[in-house]
């Protein structure tokens, strides 16, 4: 499976996890020339901007470790732009990271880090 397909699979798994836990997917793969937001979700008028990292092995660390301070700042800037472009009432914001380990021959493991940054 190539990287793009692996990423798409991970985002679908994360979206399903959130939906099973009462969230609504508001936007997927929203992008500008500055970057992309993987998932924008909502529950109880709280908007969640979620970065999804999917790997087939943990040889180079967990996916969550790839969300560096620089990446966090980029996601925050993109979230501000998303909010500017969408008229959506909300009472709070949250930034999550979903780290998925999806080895080829075993079911994936999904770790959700709420309010990760």
N, C-alpha and C. Protein backbone atom coordinates (compact mmCIF):
# COMPACT_ATOMS: atom_id res chain seq x y z
N UNK A 1 0.85 -1.17 0.00
CA UNK A 1 0.00 0.00 0.00
C UNK A 1 0.90 1.24 0.00
N UNK A 2 0.64 2.17 -0.91
CA UNK A 2 1.47 3.37 -0.96
C UNK A 2 1.10 4.33 0.18
N UNK A 3 1.92 5.36 0.35
CA UNK A 3 1.73 6.29 1.48
C UNK A 3 0.39 7.01 1.42
N UNK A 4 -0.02 7.40 0.22
CA UNK A 4 -1.29 8.12 0.08
C UNK A 4 -2.46 7.23 0.48
N UNK A 5 -2.45 5.98 0.02
CA UNK A 5 -3.52 5.04 0.37
C UNK A 5 -3.50 4.73 1.86
N UNK A 6 -2.31 4.59 2.43
CA UNK A 6 -2.20 4.34 3.87
C UNK A 6 -2.77 5.51 4.66
N UNK A 7 -2.44 6.73 4.23
CA UNK A 7 -2.95 7.92 4.90
C UNK A 7 -4.47 8.02 4.80
N UNK A 8 -5.00 7.74 3.62
CA UNK A 8 -6.46 7.79 3.42
C UNK A 8 -7.15 6.75 4.29
N UNK A 9 -6.55 5.56 4.37
CA UNK A 9 -7.13 4.51 5.23
C UNK A 9 -7.13 4.95 6.69
N UNK A 10 -6.03 5.54 7.12
CA UNK A 10 -5.95 6.01 8.50
C UNK A 10 -6.97 7.09 8.81
N UNK A 11 -7.14 8.02 7.88
CA UNK A 11 -8.13 9.08 8.09
C UNK A 11 -9.54 8.52 8.15
N UNK A 12 -9.83 7.52 7.33
CA UNK A 12 -11.15 6.87 7.38
C UNK A 12 -11.35 6.16 8.71
N UNK A 13 -10.33 5.46 9.19
CA UNK A 13 -10.43 4.79 10.49
C UNK A 13 -10.65 5.80 11.61
N UNK A 14 -9.93 6.91 11.56
CA UNK A 14 -10.08 7.94 12.59
C UNK A 14 -11.48 8.54 12.53
N UNK A 15 -11.97 8.84 11.34
CA UNK A 15 -13.32 9.41 11.20
C UNK A 15 -14.36 8.45 11.76
N UNK A 16 -14.22 7.16 11.47
CA UNK A 16 -15.16 6.17 11.99
C UNK A 16 -15.10 6.11 13.52
N UNK A 17 -13.90 6.20 14.08
CA UNK A 17 -13.75 6.18 15.53
C UNK A 17 -14.51 7.36 16.14
N UNK A 18 -14.29 8.54 15.58
CA UNK A 18 -14.96 9.73 16.11
C UNK A 18 -16.48 9.62 15.96
N UNK A 19 -16.94 9.17 14.81
CA UNK A 19 -18.39 9.02 14.61
C UNK A 19 -18.99 8.03 15.61
N UNK A 20 -18.27 6.96 15.90
CA UNK A 20 -18.74 5.97 16.88
C UNK A 20 -18.79 6.55 18.29
N UNK A 21 -18.05 7.64 18.51
CA UNK A 21 -18.02 8.29 19.82
C UNK A 21 -18.83 9.59 19.83
N UNK A 22 -19.76 9.73 18.88
CA UNK A 22 -20.70 10.83 18.92
C UNK A 22 -20.31 12.11 18.19
N UNK A 23 -19.24 12.07 17.45
CA UNK A 23 -18.80 13.26 16.70
C UNK A 23 -19.37 13.24 15.29
N UNK A 24 -19.45 14.42 14.72
CA UNK A 24 -19.84 14.58 13.32
C UNK A 24 -18.62 15.07 12.56
N UNK A 25 -18.36 14.47 11.41
CA UNK A 25 -17.28 14.95 10.56
C UNK A 25 -17.79 16.18 9.82
N UNK A 26 -17.13 17.30 10.03
CA UNK A 26 -17.51 18.57 9.41
C UNK A 26 -16.74 18.78 8.11
N UNK A 27 -15.47 18.37 8.10
CA UNK A 27 -14.62 18.55 6.92
C UNK A 27 -13.51 17.51 6.94
N UNK A 28 -13.10 17.11 5.73
CA UNK A 28 -11.99 16.16 5.58
C UNK A 28 -11.04 16.68 4.52
N UNK A 29 -9.77 16.57 4.80
CA UNK A 29 -8.72 16.95 3.86
C UNK A 29 -8.91 18.37 3.32
N UNK A 30 -9.25 19.29 4.20
CA UNK A 30 -9.39 20.68 3.80
C UNK A 30 -7.98 21.23 3.59
N UNK A 31 -7.75 21.82 2.43
CA UNK A 31 -6.39 22.29 2.17
C UNK A 31 -6.35 23.65 1.49
N UNK A 32 -5.23 24.28 1.73
CA UNK A 32 -4.87 25.53 1.07
C UNK A 32 -3.43 25.35 0.60
N UNK A 33 -2.88 26.38 0.03
CA UNK A 33 -1.49 26.27 -0.39
C UNK A 33 -0.54 26.19 0.81
N UNK A 34 -1.03 26.54 1.98
CA UNK A 34 -0.21 26.51 3.20
C UNK A 34 -0.20 25.16 3.91
N UNK A 35 -1.13 24.26 3.54
CA UNK A 35 -1.17 22.97 4.20
C UNK A 35 -2.57 22.38 4.19
N UNK A 36 -2.73 21.34 5.00
CA UNK A 36 -3.99 20.60 5.02
C UNK A 36 -4.40 20.24 6.44
N UNK A 37 -5.71 20.30 6.67
CA UNK A 37 -6.29 19.78 7.91
C UNK A 37 -6.88 18.42 7.57
N UNK A 38 -6.47 17.39 8.31
CA UNK A 38 -6.96 16.04 8.01
C UNK A 38 -8.45 15.91 8.30
N UNK A 39 -8.85 16.23 9.52
CA UNK A 39 -10.25 16.11 9.93
C UNK A 39 -10.66 17.31 10.75
N UNK A 40 -11.87 17.79 10.50
CA UNK A 40 -12.51 18.77 11.37
C UNK A 40 -13.79 18.10 11.84
N UNK A 41 -13.97 18.02 13.15
CA UNK A 41 -15.10 17.31 13.74
C UNK A 41 -15.81 18.20 14.72
N UNK A 42 -17.00 17.77 15.11
CA UNK A 42 -17.76 18.54 16.08
C UNK A 42 -18.57 17.62 16.97
N UNK A 43 -18.61 17.97 18.24
CA UNK A 43 -19.49 17.32 19.22
C UNK A 43 -19.82 18.36 20.28
N UNK A 44 -21.09 18.49 20.60
CA UNK A 44 -21.53 19.45 21.63
C UNK A 44 -21.00 20.86 21.36
N UNK A 45 -21.01 21.26 20.08
CA UNK A 45 -20.55 22.57 19.64
C UNK A 45 -19.08 22.84 19.92
N UNK A 46 -18.31 21.80 20.17
CA UNK A 46 -16.86 21.92 20.27
C UNK A 46 -16.28 21.44 18.95
N UNK A 47 -15.47 22.29 18.32
CA UNK A 47 -14.81 21.91 17.07
C UNK A 47 -13.48 21.27 17.39
N UNK A 48 -13.20 20.18 16.71
CA UNK A 48 -11.95 19.45 16.92
C UNK A 48 -11.20 19.42 15.59
N UNK A 49 -9.97 19.90 15.63
CA UNK A 49 -9.07 19.82 14.48
C UNK A 49 -8.13 18.67 14.76
N UNK A 50 -8.17 17.67 13.89
CA UNK A 50 -7.48 16.42 14.16
C UNK A 50 -6.42 16.13 13.10
N UNK A 51 -5.22 15.89 13.57
CA UNK A 51 -4.12 15.43 12.71
C UNK A 51 -4.03 13.92 12.85
N UNK A 52 -4.02 13.22 11.72
CA UNK A 52 -3.98 11.75 11.72
C UNK A 52 -2.62 11.31 11.19
N UNK A 53 -1.96 10.45 11.94
CA UNK A 53 -0.68 9.88 11.51
C UNK A 53 -0.81 8.36 11.50
N UNK A 54 -0.58 7.78 10.34
CA UNK A 54 -0.73 6.33 10.18
C UNK A 54 0.60 5.73 9.75
N UNK A 55 0.97 4.66 10.42
CA UNK A 55 2.22 3.96 10.10
C UNK A 55 1.97 2.46 10.08
N UNK A 56 2.81 1.76 9.34
CA UNK A 56 2.70 0.29 9.29
C UNK A 56 3.59 -0.36 10.34
N UNK A 57 4.51 0.41 10.92
CA UNK A 57 5.37 -0.12 11.97
C UNK A 57 5.77 1.03 12.87
N UNK A 58 6.25 0.67 14.06
CA UNK A 58 6.71 1.71 14.98
C UNK A 58 8.24 1.79 15.00
N UNK A 59 8.87 1.29 13.95
CA UNK A 59 10.33 1.28 13.87
C UNK A 59 10.92 2.69 13.99
N UNK A 60 10.20 3.68 13.53
CA UNK A 60 10.68 5.06 13.61
C UNK A 60 9.88 5.87 14.62
N UNK A 61 9.23 5.20 15.57
CA UNK A 61 8.44 5.86 16.59
C UNK A 61 6.96 5.86 16.25
N UNK A 62 6.18 6.25 17.21
CA UNK A 62 4.73 6.33 17.03
C UNK A 62 4.39 7.54 16.17
N UNK A 63 3.27 7.47 15.50
CA UNK A 63 2.84 8.58 14.64
C UNK A 63 2.70 9.88 15.39
N UNK A 64 2.23 9.81 16.61
CA UNK A 64 2.04 11.03 17.41
C UNK A 64 3.35 11.80 17.57
N UNK A 65 4.46 11.10 17.57
CA UNK A 65 5.76 11.75 17.72
C UNK A 65 6.13 12.61 16.51
N UNK A 66 5.49 12.38 15.40
CA UNK A 66 5.77 13.14 14.18
C UNK A 66 5.08 14.51 14.18
N UNK A 67 4.22 14.75 15.15
CA UNK A 67 3.53 16.04 15.22
C UNK A 67 4.38 16.97 16.08
N UNK A 68 5.36 17.55 15.44
CA UNK A 68 6.32 18.43 16.10
C UNK A 68 5.68 19.77 16.45
N UNK A 69 6.41 20.57 17.19
CA UNK A 69 5.93 21.91 17.56
C UNK A 69 5.66 22.74 16.29
N UNK A 70 6.53 22.62 15.31
CA UNK A 70 6.33 23.33 14.05
C UNK A 70 5.03 22.89 13.37
N UNK A 71 4.78 21.59 13.36
CA UNK A 71 3.55 21.06 12.76
C UNK A 71 2.33 21.55 13.54
N UNK A 72 2.43 21.57 14.86
CA UNK A 72 1.33 22.06 15.69
C UNK A 72 0.99 23.51 15.36
N UNK A 73 2.02 24.34 15.21
CA UNK A 73 1.79 25.75 14.89
C UNK A 73 1.14 25.89 13.51
N UNK A 74 1.57 25.07 12.55
CA UNK A 74 0.97 25.10 11.21
C UNK A 74 -0.51 24.72 11.28
N UNK A 75 -0.83 23.69 12.06
CA UNK A 75 -2.22 23.25 12.19
C UNK A 75 -3.06 24.36 12.84
N UNK A 76 -2.50 25.03 13.84
CA UNK A 76 -3.23 26.13 14.48
C UNK A 76 -3.51 27.27 13.49
N UNK A 77 -2.52 27.60 12.66
CA UNK A 77 -2.73 28.65 11.65
C UNK A 77 -3.79 28.22 10.65
N UNK A 78 -3.74 26.96 10.22
CA UNK A 78 -4.74 26.46 9.28
C UNK A 78 -6.13 26.45 9.91
N UNK A 79 -6.20 26.10 11.19
CA UNK A 79 -7.49 26.10 11.89
C UNK A 79 -8.06 27.52 11.94
N UNK A 80 -7.21 28.50 12.19
CA UNK A 80 -7.67 29.90 12.21
C UNK A 80 -8.21 30.29 10.84
N UNK A 81 -7.52 29.87 9.79
CA UNK A 81 -7.99 30.17 8.44
C UNK A 81 -9.32 29.46 8.16
N UNK A 82 -9.42 28.20 8.58
CA UNK A 82 -10.66 27.44 8.38
C UNK A 82 -11.82 28.17 9.08
N UNK A 83 -11.59 28.62 10.30
CA UNK A 83 -12.63 29.33 11.05
C UNK A 83 -13.02 30.64 10.36
N UNK A 84 -12.05 31.33 9.78
CA UNK A 84 -12.34 32.57 9.04
C UNK A 84 -13.23 32.30 7.83
N UNK A 85 -13.07 31.14 7.23
CA UNK A 85 -13.80 30.82 6.00
C UNK A 85 -15.13 30.10 6.23
N UNK A 86 -15.38 29.66 7.45
CA UNK A 86 -16.60 28.91 7.75
C UNK A 86 -17.35 29.60 8.89
N UNK A 87 -18.57 29.92 8.64
CA UNK A 87 -19.41 30.54 9.66
C UNK A 87 -20.04 29.43 10.50
N UNK A 88 -19.36 29.06 11.55
CA UNK A 88 -19.80 27.93 12.36
C UNK A 88 -19.78 28.32 13.83
N UNK A 89 -20.93 28.33 14.45
CA UNK A 89 -21.00 28.64 15.88
C UNK A 89 -20.35 27.51 16.67
N UNK A 90 -19.53 27.89 17.63
CA UNK A 90 -18.89 26.88 18.47
C UNK A 90 -18.64 27.48 19.84
N UNK A 91 -18.50 26.62 20.81
CA UNK A 91 -18.23 27.09 22.17
C UNK A 91 -16.84 26.71 22.64
N UNK A 92 -16.10 26.00 21.77
CA UNK A 92 -14.74 25.62 22.13
C UNK A 92 -14.02 25.00 20.95
N UNK A 93 -12.70 24.96 21.07
CA UNK A 93 -11.84 24.35 20.07
C UNK A 93 -10.92 23.35 20.76
N UNK A 94 -10.54 22.35 20.01
CA UNK A 94 -9.61 21.35 20.55
C UNK A 94 -8.74 20.85 19.40
N UNK A 95 -7.51 20.50 19.72
CA UNK A 95 -6.59 19.95 18.74
C UNK A 95 -6.18 18.55 19.18
N UNK A 96 -6.59 17.56 18.39
CA UNK A 96 -6.30 16.16 18.69
C UNK A 96 -5.28 15.61 17.70
N UNK A 97 -4.65 14.52 18.12
CA UNK A 97 -3.81 13.73 17.23
C UNK A 97 -4.29 12.29 17.34
N UNK A 98 -4.46 11.65 16.19
CA UNK A 98 -4.77 10.22 16.16
C UNK A 98 -3.57 9.52 15.56
N UNK A 99 -3.04 8.57 16.30
CA UNK A 99 -1.88 7.79 15.86
C UNK A 99 -2.36 6.37 15.59
N UNK A 100 -2.20 5.94 14.35
CA UNK A 100 -2.68 4.62 13.96
C UNK A 100 -1.50 3.75 13.56
N UNK A 101 -1.43 2.58 14.16
CA UNK A 101 -0.44 1.58 13.78
C UNK A 101 -1.19 0.50 13.02
N UNK A 102 -0.87 0.38 11.73
CA UNK A 102 -1.62 -0.53 10.84
C UNK A 102 -0.66 -1.49 10.14
N UNK A 103 -0.15 -2.49 10.89
CA UNK A 103 0.70 -3.49 10.23
C UNK A 103 -0.10 -4.23 9.16
N UNK A 104 0.59 -4.76 8.20
CA UNK A 104 -0.06 -5.38 7.04
C UNK A 104 -0.99 -6.54 7.38
N UNK A 105 -0.63 -7.39 8.32
CA UNK A 105 -1.41 -8.61 8.55
C UNK A 105 -2.16 -8.66 9.88
N UNK A 106 -2.30 -7.53 10.56
CA UNK A 106 -3.03 -7.51 11.82
C UNK A 106 -3.96 -6.30 11.86
N UNK A 107 -4.99 -6.35 12.68
CA UNK A 107 -5.90 -5.20 12.78
C UNK A 107 -5.15 -3.96 13.27
N UNK A 108 -5.58 -2.79 12.84
CA UNK A 108 -4.91 -1.56 13.28
C UNK A 108 -5.19 -1.23 14.74
N UNK A 109 -4.27 -0.50 15.31
CA UNK A 109 -4.41 0.03 16.66
C UNK A 109 -4.61 1.54 16.53
N UNK A 110 -5.64 2.05 17.16
CA UNK A 110 -5.96 3.48 17.07
C UNK A 110 -5.79 4.10 18.45
N UNK A 111 -4.88 5.08 18.54
CA UNK A 111 -4.67 5.83 19.78
C UNK A 111 -5.09 7.27 19.52
N UNK A 112 -6.05 7.74 20.31
CA UNK A 112 -6.57 9.09 20.16
C UNK A 112 -6.04 9.94 21.32
N UNK A 113 -5.38 11.03 20.98
CA UNK A 113 -4.83 11.95 21.96
C UNK A 113 -5.66 13.23 21.90
N UNK A 114 -6.63 13.32 22.80
CA UNK A 114 -7.49 14.50 22.84
C UNK A 114 -6.74 15.65 23.48
N UNK A 115 -6.97 16.85 22.94
CA UNK A 115 -6.30 18.06 23.44
C UNK A 115 -4.79 17.84 23.50
N UNK A 116 -4.25 17.31 22.42
CA UNK A 116 -2.82 16.95 22.37
C UNK A 116 -1.93 18.19 22.39
N UNK A 117 -2.44 19.30 21.89
CA UNK A 117 -1.66 20.55 21.92
C UNK A 117 -2.58 21.74 21.88
